[in-house]
C-alpha atoms as a PDB file:
ATOM      1  CA  MET A   1     -26.900  -6.641  12.906  1.00  0.00           C
ATOM      2  CA  ILE A   2     -24.178  -8.573  11.546  1.00  0.00           C
ATOM      3  CA  ASN A   3     -24.941 -10.670   8.255  1.00  0.00           C
ATOM      4  CA  TYR A   4     -22.736 -12.893   6.448  1.00  0.00           C
ATOM      5  CA  ARG A   5     -22.692 -15.044   3.448  1.00  0.00           C
ATOM      6  CA  THR A   6     -21.092 -17.445   1.247  1.00  0.00           C
ATOM      7  CA  HIS A   7     -20.984 -18.067  -2.276  1.00  0.00           C
ATOM      8  CA  LYS A   8     -19.508 -21.062  -4.045  1.00  0.00           C
ATOM      9  CA  PRO A   9     -17.346 -20.334  -6.988  1.00  0.00           C
ATOM     10  CA  GLN A  10     -18.394 -22.460 -10.650  1.00  0.00           C
ATOM     11  CA  GLY A  11     -16.512 -24.849 -13.017  1.00  0.00           C
ATOM     12  CA  VAL A  12     -12.732 -24.567 -12.909  1.00  0.00           C
ATOM     13  CA  LEU A  13     -12.336 -21.507 -10.478  1.00  0.00           C
ATOM     14  CA  ALA A  14     -13.446 -24.006  -8.092  1.00  0.00           C
ATOM     15  CA  GLU A  15      -9.911 -25.559  -8.149  1.00  0.00           C
ATOM     16  CA  TYR A  16      -8.816 -22.312  -7.203  1.00  0.00           C
ATOM     17  CA  VAL A  17     -10.904 -20.400  -5.008  1.00  0.00           C
ATOM     18  CA  ARG A  18     -12.935 -22.652  -1.730  1.00  0.00           C
ATOM     19  CA  PHE A  19     -15.848 -19.871  -1.346  1.00  0.00           C
ATOM     20  CA  PHE A  20     -16.577 -16.379  -1.827  1.00  0.00           C
ATOM     21  CA  TRP A  21     -17.971 -14.394   0.955  1.00  0.00           C
ATOM     22  CA  SER A  22     -19.952 -10.977   2.633  1.00  0.00           C
ATOM     23  CA  LEU A  23     -19.820  -9.554   5.997  1.00  0.00           C
ATOM     24  CA  GLU A  24     -21.924  -7.003   6.432  1.00  0.00           C
ATOM     25  CA  ALA A  25     -22.033  -5.395  10.090  1.00  0.00           C
ATOM     26  CA  GLN A  26     -24.183  -2.268  11.660  1.00  0.00           C
ATOM     27  CA  VAL A  27     -22.066  -1.294  14.381  1.00  0.00           C
ATOM     28  CA  GLU A  28     -23.627   1.911  15.002  1.00  0.00           C
ATOM     29  CA  LEU A  29     -26.353  -0.097  16.185  1.00  0.00           C
ATOM     30  CA  MET A  30     -24.245  -1.783  18.881  1.00  0.00           C
ATOM     31  CA  ASN A  31     -23.602   0.222  22.001  1.00  0.00           C
ATOM     32  CA  GLU A  32     -19.514  -1.219  22.380  1.00  0.00           C
ATOM     33  CA  PRO A  33     -16.887  -1.350  19.239  1.00  0.00           C
ATOM     34  CA  PHE A  34     -17.277  -3.747  16.927  1.00  0.00           C
ATOM     35  CA  ALA A  35     -13.912  -6.699  17.684  1.00  0.00           C
ATOM     36  CA  HIS A  36     -13.072  -9.789  15.628  1.00  0.00           C
ATOM     37  CA  ARG A  37     -10.322 -12.201  15.702  1.00  0.00           C
ATOM     38  CA  ALA A  38      -9.333 -13.440  12.778  1.00  0.00           C
ATOM     39  CA  LEU A  39      -7.431 -16.636  13.353  1.00  0.00           C
ATOM     40  CA  PRO A  40      -4.604 -19.115  12.559  1.00  0.00           C
ATOM     41  CA  ASP A  41      -5.184 -20.316   8.718  1.00  0.00           C
ATOM     42  CA  ASN A  42      -3.234 -22.402   5.934  1.00  0.00           C
ATOM     43  CA  CYS A  43      -5.194 -20.009   2.973  1.00  0.00           C
ATOM     44  CA  ILE A  44      -4.956 -17.108   1.908  1.00  0.00           C
ATOM     45  CA  GLU A  45      -7.547 -14.299   1.464  1.00  0.00           C
ATOM     46  CA  LEU A  46      -8.247 -11.642  -1.019  1.00  0.00           C
ATOM     47  CA  ILE A  47     -10.501  -8.694   0.344  1.00  0.00           C
ATOM     48  CA  PHE A  48     -12.394  -5.797  -0.467  1.00  0.00           C
ATOM     49  CA  TYR A  49     -13.133  -2.851   2.559  1.00  0.00           C
ATOM     50  CA  CYS A  50     -16.232  -2.054   0.730  1.00  0.00           C
ATOM     51  CA  LYS A  51     -17.517   0.274   3.416  1.00  0.00           C
ATOM     52  CA  GLY A  52     -15.937   1.583   5.750  1.00  0.00           C
ATOM     53  CA  SER A  53     -11.747   0.098   7.846  1.00  0.00           C
ATOM     54  CA  LEU A  54     -10.517  -1.053  10.686  1.00  0.00           C
ATOM     55  CA  SER A  55      -7.685  -1.376  12.968  1.00  0.00           C
ATOM     56  CA  ILE A  56      -5.252  -4.251  12.832  1.00  0.00           C
ATOM     57  CA  SER A  57      -3.384  -4.774  16.055  1.00  0.00           C
ATOM     58  CA  ALA A  58      -1.308  -8.416  16.031  1.00  0.00           C
ATOM     59  CA  SER A  59       0.909 -10.238  19.260  1.00  0.00           C
ATOM     60  CA  GLY A  60       3.482  -8.474  17.561  1.00  0.00           C
ATOM     61  CA  GLY A  61       1.731  -4.989  18.426  1.00  0.00           C
ATOM     62  CA  GLU A  62      -0.687  -2.169  16.467  1.00  0.00           C
ATOM     63  CA  GLU A  63      -0.386  -2.644  12.286  1.00  0.00           C
ATOM     64  CA  GLY A  64      -2.424   0.251  11.277  1.00  0.00           C
ATOM     65  CA  ASN A  65      -5.488   0.342   9.580  1.00  0.00           C
ATOM     66  CA  THR A  66      -7.033  -2.353   6.864  1.00  0.00           C
ATOM     67  CA  PHE A  67      -6.222  -1.296   3.100  1.00  0.00           C
ATOM     68  CA  ALA A  68      -9.144  -1.170   0.393  1.00  0.00           C
ATOM     69  CA  SER A  69      -8.377  -3.953  -1.008  1.00  0.00           C
ATOM     70  CA  GLY A  70      -5.859  -6.289  -0.436  1.00  0.00           C
ATOM     71  CA  VAL A  71      -4.239  -9.763   0.348  1.00  0.00           C
ATOM     72  CA  PHE A  72      -4.066 -11.461   3.893  1.00  0.00           C
ATOM     73  CA  GLY A  73      -1.499 -14.211   3.133  1.00  0.00           C
ATOM     74  CA  GLN A  74      -1.511 -18.026   5.457  1.00  0.00           C
ATOM     75  CA  THR A  75      -0.966 -17.109   8.870  1.00  0.00           C
ATOM     76  CA  GLN A  76       0.125 -18.687  11.965  1.00  0.00           C
ATOM     77  CA  LYS A  77      -0.757 -16.031  14.098  1.00  0.00           C
ATOM     78  CA  PHE A  78      -3.792 -14.175  15.027  1.00  0.00           C
ATOM     79  CA  ARG A  79      -4.777 -10.224  14.566  1.00  0.00           C
ATOM     80  CA  GLN A  80      -7.666  -8.506  15.702  1.00  0.00           C
ATOM     81  CA  PHE A  81      -9.589  -5.687  14.117  1.00  0.00           C
ATOM     82  CA  ARG A  82     -12.262  -3.555  15.580  1.00  0.00           C
ATOM     83  CA  THR A  83     -14.184  -0.203  13.992  1.00  0.00           C
ATOM     84  CA  ARG A  84     -16.699   1.600  15.368  1.00  0.00           C
ATOM     85  CA  SER A  85     -18.350   2.605  12.333  1.00  0.00           C
ATOM     86  CA  ASN A  86     -20.385   0.273  10.063  1.00  0.00           C
ATOM     87  CA  PHE A  87     -18.549  -2.112   7.240  1.00  0.00           C
ATOM     88  CA  THR A  88     -19.166  -3.938   4.225  1.00  0.00           C
ATOM     89  CA  LEU A  89     -16.506  -6.719   3.228  1.00  0.00           C
ATOM     90  CA  PHE A  90     -15.975  -9.125   0.180  1.00  0.00           C
ATOM     91  CA  GLY A  91     -14.029 -11.553   0.388  1.00  0.00           C
ATOM     92  CA  VAL A  92     -12.477 -14.592  -1.579  1.00  0.00           C
ATOM     93  CA  TYR A  93     -11.153 -17.715   0.295  1.00  0.00           C
ATOM     94  CA  LEU A  94      -8.369 -18.891  -1.860  1.00  0.00           C
ATOM     95  CA  TYR A  95      -6.279 -22.153  -2.152  1.00  0.00           C
ATOM     96  CA  PRO A  96      -2.896 -21.566  -0.870  1.00  0.00           C
ATOM     97  CA  TYR A  97      -1.393 -22.909  -4.356  1.00  0.00           C
ATOM     98  CA  ILE A  98      -2.980 -19.842  -5.836  1.00  0.00           C
ATOM     99  CA  PHE A  99      -0.226 -17.619  -5.608  1.00  0.00           C
ATOM    100  CA  LYS A 100       2.281 -20.303  -6.956  1.00  0.00           C
ATOM    101  CA  ALA A 101       0.085 -19.952  -9.688  1.00  0.00           C
ATOM    102  CA  LEU A 102      -1.075 -16.280 -10.220  1.00  0.00           C
ATOM    103  CA  PHE A 103       2.493 -15.118 -10.011  1.00  0.00           C
ATOM    104  CA  ASN A 104       4.970 -18.084 -10.628  1.00  0.00           C
ATOM    105  CA  LEU A 105       6.492 -17.174  -6.785  1.00  0.00           C
ATOM    106  CA  PRO A 106       7.171 -19.586  -4.062  1.00  0.00           C
ATOM    107  CA  ALA A 107       3.385 -19.105  -1.646  1.00  0.00           C
ATOM    108  CA  HIS A 108       5.591 -18.670   1.324  1.00  0.00           C
ATOM    109  CA  TYR A 109       6.162 -14.958   0.331  1.00  0.00           C
ATOM    110  CA  LEU A 110       3.028 -14.416   1.591  1.00  0.00           C
ATOM    111  CA  CYS A 111       3.446 -16.034   4.971  1.00  0.00           C
ATOM    112  CA  ASN A 112       2.146 -14.206   7.864  1.00  0.00           C
ATOM    113  CA  GLU A 113       1.890 -10.753   5.255  1.00  0.00           C
ATOM    114  CA  LYS A 114      -0.949  -8.557   3.933  1.00  0.00           C
ATOM    115  CA  VAL A 115       0.060  -6.754   0.759  1.00  0.00           C
ATOM    116  CA  ASP A 116      -2.554  -4.543  -1.271  1.00  0.00           C
ATOM    117  CA  SER A 117      -4.296  -4.887  -4.352  1.00  0.00           C
ATOM    118  CA  GLU A 118      -2.513  -2.240  -6.177  1.00  0.00           C
ATOM    119  CA  THR A 119       0.972  -3.773  -5.140  1.00  0.00           C
ATOM    120  CA  LEU A 120       0.465  -7.274  -6.470  1.00  0.00           C
ATOM    121  CA  TRP A 121      -1.248  -5.872  -9.368  1.00  0.00           C
ATOM    122  CA  GLY A 122      -0.211  -2.575 -10.111  1.00  0.00           C
ATOM    123  CA  ILE A 123      -3.303  -0.630 -12.049  1.00  0.00           C
ATOM    124  CA  GLU A 124      -5.057  -3.429 -13.146  1.00  0.00           C
ATOM    125  CA  GLY A 125      -5.559  -4.074  -9.063  1.00  0.00           C
ATOM    126  CA  ARG A 126      -6.465  -0.710  -7.882  1.00  0.00           C
ATOM    127  CA  THR A 127      -9.218  -0.728 -10.952  1.00  0.00           C
ATOM    128  CA  LEU A 128     -10.445  -4.211  -9.879  1.00  0.00           C
ATOM    129  CA  GLU A 129     -10.615  -2.510  -6.402  1.00  0.00           C
ATOM    130  CA  GLU A 130     -12.967   0.517  -7.756  1.00  0.00           C
ATOM    131  CA  GLN A 131     -15.469  -2.383  -9.729  1.00  0.00           C
ATOM    132  CA  ILE A 132     -15.403  -4.134  -6.390  1.00  0.00           C
ATOM    133  CA  ILE A 133     -15.926  -1.592  -4.692  1.00  0.00           C
ATOM    134  CA  SER A 134     -19.005   0.584  -6.425  1.00  0.00           C
ATOM    135  CA  ALA A 135     -20.767  -2.799  -7.678  1.00  0.00           C
ATOM    136  CA  HIS A 136     -24.607  -3.138  -6.546  1.00  0.00           C
ATOM    137  CA  THR A 137     -24.908  -7.020  -5.194  1.00  0.00           C
ATOM    138  CA  ASN A 138     -22.120  -9.725  -4.707  1.00  0.00           C
ATOM    139  CA  GLU A 139     -23.566 -11.925  -7.453  1.00  0.00           C
ATOM    140  CA  GLN A 140     -21.698  -8.696  -9.360  1.00  0.00           C
ATOM    141  CA  ARG A 141     -18.724  -9.014  -7.248  1.00  0.00           C
ATOM    142  CA  ILE A 142     -18.426 -12.905  -7.199  1.00  0.00           C
ATOM    143  CA  GLN A 143     -18.631 -11.936 -11.850  1.00  0.00           C
ATOM    144  CA  LEU A 144     -15.976  -9.458 -11.502  1.00  0.00           C
ATOM    145  CA  VAL A 145     -12.925 -11.351  -9.564  1.00  0.00           C
ATOM    146  CA  SER A 146     -13.553 -14.933 -11.539  1.00  0.00           C
ATOM    147  CA  ILE A 147     -13.092 -13.217 -14.485  1.00  0.00           C
ATOM    148  CA  PHE A 148      -9.890 -11.758 -13.143  1.00  0.00           C
ATOM    149  CA  LEU A 149      -8.226 -14.473 -11.656  1.00  0.00           C
ATOM    150  CA  LEU A 150      -9.205 -16.264 -14.396  1.00  0.00           C
ATOM    151  CA  GLU A 151      -7.298 -14.123 -16.849  1.00  0.00           C
ATOM    152  CA  ARG A 152      -4.251 -14.526 -14.543  1.00  0.00           C
ATOM    153  CA  VAL A 153      -3.996 -17.646 -13.208  1.00  0.00           C
ATOM    154  CA  LYS A 154      -1.742 -20.057 -14.387  1.00  0.00           C
ATOM    155  CA  THR A 155      -2.485 -23.611 -15.124  1.00  0.00           C
ATOM    156  CA  ILE A 156      -0.555 -25.782 -12.682  1.00  0.00           C
ATOM    157  CA  ARG A 157       2.127 -28.201 -14.512  1.00  0.00           C
ATOM    158  CA  ASN A 158       0.600 -32.335 -14.692  1.00  0.00           C
ATOM    159  CA  GLN A 159       3.376 -33.189 -12.897  1.00  0.00           C
ATOM    160  CA  ASP A 160       2.207 -31.127  -9.941  1.00  0.00           C
ATOM    161  CA  ARG A 161      -1.178 -31.393 -10.415  1.00  0.00           C
ATOM    162  CA  ALA A 162      -1.272 -34.583  -7.973  1.00  0.00           C
ATOM    163  CA  PHE A 163       0.180 -32.935  -5.301  1.00  0.00           C
ATOM    164  CA  VAL A 164      -1.777 -29.581  -5.515  1.00  0.00           C
ATOM    165  CA  ARG A 165      -4.711 -32.244  -5.600  1.00  0.00           C
ATOM    166  CA  HIS A 166      -3.207 -33.543  -1.940  1.00  0.00           C
ATOM    167  CA  ILE A 167      -2.829 -30.194  -0.677  1.00  0.00           C
ATOM    168  CA  LYS A 168      -6.266 -29.248  -1.282  1.00  0.00           C
ATOM    169  CA  SER A 169      -8.138 -32.666  -0.028  1.00  0.00           C
ATOM    170  CA  VAL A 170      -6.263 -31.629   3.210  1.00  0.00           C
ATOM    171  CA  VAL A 171      -7.407 -28.397   3.907  1.00  0.00           C
ATOM    172  CA  ASP A 172     -11.150 -28.910   2.729  1.00  0.00           C
ATOM    173  CA  ASN A 173     -11.320 -31.945   4.898  1.00  0.00           C
ATOM    174  CA  ASN A 174      -8.652 -31.013   7.826  1.00  0.00           C
ATOM    175  CA  SER A 175      -7.388 -33.982   7.444  1.00  0.00           C
ATOM    176  CA  LEU A 176      -4.309 -35.283  10.031  1.00  0.00           C
ATOM    177  CA  PHE A 177      -1.477 -36.946   7.886  1.00  0.00           C
ATOM    178  CA  SER A 178       1.613 -37.810   9.120  1.00  0.00           C
ATOM    179  CA  ILE A 179       4.567 -36.109   6.787  1.00  0.00           C
ATOM    180  CA  SER A 180       6.155 -39.143   6.361  1.00  0.00           C
ATOM    181  CA  SER A 181       2.921 -40.834   4.664  1.00  0.00           C
ATOM    182  CA  PHE A 182       2.036 -37.703   2.709  1.00  0.00           C
ATOM    183  CA  ALA A 183       5.892 -37.322   1.104  1.00  0.00           C
ATOM    184  CA  HIS A 184       5.316 -41.231   0.175  1.00  0.00           C
ATOM    185  CA  ASP A 185       1.766 -40.551  -1.660  1.00  0.00           C
ATOM    186  CA  CYS A 186       3.413 -38.016  -3.597  1.00  0.00           C
ATOM    187  CA  ASN A 187       6.386 -40.506  -4.450  1.00  0.00           C
ATOM    188  CA  LEU A 188       8.349 -38.426  -3.492  1.00  0.00           C
ATOM    189  CA  SER A 189      11.541 -37.871  -1.066  1.00  0.00           C
ATOM    190  CA  ARG A 190      11.278 -35.943   2.337  1.00  0.00           C
ATOM    191  CA  ARG A 191      14.090 -33.580   1.081  1.00  0.00           C
ATOM    192  CA  GLN A 192      11.772 -33.106  -2.441  1.00  0.00           C
ATOM    193  CA  PHE A 193       8.715 -33.435  -0.615  1.00  0.00           C
ATOM    194  CA  GLU A 194       9.356 -30.618   2.218  1.00  0.00           C
ATOM    195  CA  ARG A 195      11.088 -27.917  -0.603  1.00  0.00           C
ATOM    196  CA  LYS A 196       7.436 -28.039  -2.692  1.00  0.00           C
ATOM    197  CA  PHE A 197       5.065 -28.280   0.095  1.00  0.00           C
ATOM    198  CA  LYS A 198       6.546 -24.846   0.990  1.00  0.00           C
ATOM    199  CA  GLU A 199       6.834 -23.502  -2.707  1.00  0.00           C
ATOM    200  CA  PHE A 200       2.828 -23.875  -2.803  1.00  0.00           C
ATOM    201  CA  SER A 201       1.212 -24.484   0.748  1.00  0.00           C
ATOM    202  CA  GLY A 202       3.856 -21.541   1.852  1.00  0.00           C
ATOM    203  CA  PHE A 203       4.551 -23.577   5.328  1.00  0.00           C
ATOM    204  CA  SER A 204       6.991 -26.477   6.315  1.00  0.00           C
ATOM    205  CA  PRO A 205       4.954 -29.094   6.616  1.00  0.00           C
ATOM    206  CA  LYS A 206       4.883 -29.186  10.565  1.00  0.00           C
ATOM    207  CA  ASP A 207       3.839 -25.833  10.500  1.00  0.00           C
ATOM    208  CA  PHE A 208       1.198 -26.511   7.840  1.00  0.00           C
ATOM    209  CA  PHE A 209      -0.432 -29.745  10.224  1.00  0.00           C
ATOM    210  CA  ASP A 210       0.100 -27.831  13.320  1.00  0.00           C
ATOM    211  CA  VAL A 211      -2.129 -24.837  11.087  1.00  0.00           C
ATOM    212  CA  ILE A 212      -4.329 -27.688  10.070  1.00  0.00           C
ATOM    213  CA  ARG A 213      -4.970 -29.538  13.618  1.00  0.00           C
ATOM    214  CA  PHE A 214      -5.738 -26.473  15.523  1.00  0.00           C
ATOM    215  CA  LYS A 215      -8.721 -26.073  12.527  1.00  0.00           C
ATOM    216  CA  LYS A 216      -9.241 -29.556  13.300  1.00  0.00           C
ATOM    217  CA  VAL A 217      -9.999 -28.722  17.644  1.00  0.00           C
ATOM    218  CA  LEU A 218     -11.734 -25.495  16.141  1.00  0.00           C
ATOM    219  CA  TYR A 219     -14.674 -28.185  13.842  1.00  0.00           C
ATOM    220  CA  GLU A 220     -14.486 -30.460  17.231  1.00  0.00           C
ATOM    221  CA  ILE A 221     -15.385 -27.375  19.437  1.00  0.00           C
ATOM    222  CA  GLU A 222     -18.207 -26.388  17.228  1.00  0.00           C
ATOM    223  CA  GLN A 223     -19.706 -29.293  17.015  1.00  0.00           C
ATOM    224  CA  ARG A 224     -19.864 -29.756  21.015  1.00  0.00           C
ATOM    225  CA  HIS A 225     -20.050 -33.771  20.796  1.00  0.00           C
ATOM    226  CA  LYS A 226     -16.902 -34.267  22.496  1.00  0.00           C
ATOM    227  CA  SER A 227     -15.162 -33.251  25.969  1.00  0.00           C
ATOM    228  CA  LEU A 228     -12.320 -31.170  25.020  1.00  0.00           C
ATOM    229  CA  ALA A 229      -9.849 -33.967  26.987  1.00  0.00           C
ATOM    230  CA  GLN A 230     -11.142 -36.916  23.861  1.00  0.00           C
ATOM    231  CA  ILE A 231     -10.658 -34.088  21.274  1.00  0.00           C
ATOM    232  CA  ALA A 232      -7.096 -33.466  22.419  1.00  0.00           C
ATOM    233  CA  ILE A 233      -6.559 -37.194  22.316  1.00  0.00           C
ATOM    234  CA  ASP A 234      -8.333 -37.750  18.877  1.00  0.00           C
ATOM    235  CA  THR A 235      -6.458 -34.778  17.358  1.00  0.00           C
ATOM    236  CA  GLY A 236      -2.906 -36.095  17.944  1.00  0.00           C
ATOM    237  CA  TYR A 237      -2.468 -33.897  20.971  1.00  0.00           C
ATOM    238  CA  TYR A 238      -0.483 -35.697  24.211  1.00  0.00           C
ATOM    239  CA  ASP A 239      -3.110 -34.444  26.762  1.00  0.00           C
ATOM    240  CA  GLN A 240      -5.476 -32.224  27.013  1.00  0.00           C
ATOM    241  CA  SER A 241      -2.613 -29.678  28.980  1.00  0.00           C
ATOM    242  CA  HIS A 242      -0.653 -30.159  25.623  1.00  0.00           C
ATOM    243  CA  LEU A 243      -4.103 -28.844  23.659  1.00  0.00           C
ATOM    244  CA  THR A 244      -4.054 -25.252  25.683  1.00  0.00           C
ATOM    245  CA  ASN A 245      -1.001 -24.509  25.511  1.00  0.00           C
ATOM    246  CA  GLU A 246      -0.247 -25.116  21.506  1.00  0.00           C
ATOM    247  CA  PHE A 247      -4.039 -23.408  21.197  1.00  0.00           C
ATOM    248  CA  LYS A 248      -3.604 -20.620  23.335  1.00  0.00           C
ATOM    249  CA  LYS A 249      -0.219 -19.972  21.464  1.00  0.00           C
ATOM    250  CA  LEU A 250      -1.746 -19.856  18.521  1.00  0.00           C
ATOM    251  CA  SER A 251      -5.170 -18.170  19.091  1.00  0.00           C
ATOM    252  CA  GLY A 252      -5.421 -16.399  21.962  1.00  0.00           C
ATOM    253  CA  TYR A 253      -7.557 -18.724  23.492  1.00  0.00           C
ATOM    254  CA  THR A 254      -7.539 -21.584  25.726  1.00  0.00           C
ATOM    255  CA  PRO A 255      -9.726 -24.438  24.550  1.00  0.00           C
ATOM    256  CA  LYS A 256     -12.301 -24.062  27.553  1.00  0.00           C
ATOM    257  CA  GLU A 257     -12.958 -20.154  26.693  1.00  0.00           C
ATOM    258  CA  LEU A 258     -13.905 -21.077  22.816  1.00  0.00           C
ATOM    259  CA  TYR A 259     -15.874 -24.507  24.189  1.00  0.00           C
ATOM    260  CA  ILE A 260     -17.784 -21.325  26.786  1.00  0.00           C
ATOM    261  CA  ASN A 261     -18.549 -18.266  24.195  1.00  0.00           C
ATOM    262  CA  TYR A 262     -18.313 -20.210  20.470  1.00  0.00           C
ATOM    263  CA  GLN A 263     -20.881 -19.162  18.081  1.00  0.00           C
ATOM    264  CA  ASN A 264     -21.689 -22.358  16.624  1.00  0.00           C
ATOM    265  CA  GLU A 265     -24.182 -20.539  14.215  1.00  0.00           C
ATOM    266  CA  ILE A 266     -21.671 -18.562  12.164  1.00  0.00           C
ATOM    267  CA  ASP A 267     -18.883 -19.184  10.512  1.00  0.00           C
ATOM    268  CA  THR A 268     -15.311 -17.954  13.203  1.00  0.00           C
ATOM    269  CA  ARG A 269     -14.774 -15.181  10.543  1.00  0.00           C
ATOM    270  CA  ALA A 270     -18.152 -13.511  11.672  1.00  0.00           C
ATOM    271  CA  THR A 271     -17.675 -14.181  15.143  1.00  0.00           C
ATOM    272  CA  VAL A 272     -17.915 -11.371  17.425  1.00  0.00           C
ATOM    273  CA  ASP A 273     -14.204 -11.123  19.979  1.00  0.00           C
ATOM    274  CA  PHE A 274     -14.995 -12.255  23.395  1.00  0.00           C
ATOM    275  CA  LYS A 275     -12.017 -11.039  24.495  1.00  0.00           C
ATOM    276  CA  LEU A 276     -10.706  -8.326  24.318  1.00  0.00           C
END
């Protein structure tokens, strides 16, 4: 009843896009409404609701319904999406620094925000939306979005390339660096590093690595090779209690709840929320 697929980007676009994804759900065949919990993430997502829409709620309250297309910025909060109808989604999972490369604006403008395509790109954004929604295959959608992004993305300055490569590597591998060692590797003073980091990632270094550590815990839970106490030690928490408090603050789940209920055969973006 739920069909989720991912597709790798090709060529230069791989510097900016982690992957494309699609999700189709036959909710009307289920006995209850579909609910999904989107967890904190330090990347941004361009999403097209090709069929159907979902209501959105977060810790701050109801956020209305999803747009036809737009960007969800990097976030430290979780959202819940609900619907009783069938839906089809097409998504583009983007590195956070693409916002700087597209608009020459700091990435933190998008933190915890969602912006529709027309607001971002005007009539061109609305045209892209119409093209994606009317496309017959995901291959066509990938080609359309790839052309659209490549025509608009600006080349990152040479002096920023090494910095951006560091961010990409951390995101790809959920690497747990100390902030001081990261700044040292980039050959920047602490103040220069913090300013540049927020400009390209959207987060302060501390907030960014808090999300990285959270995602590292998600990965370890998925692998199911370690106890929660060992996961806490290996990911830099003081103890299991510290892990539980921080994890629940970010996700609304305790690690134990997720450990018991996690569906490790699919990506977290395609899971049905077990806690309503």
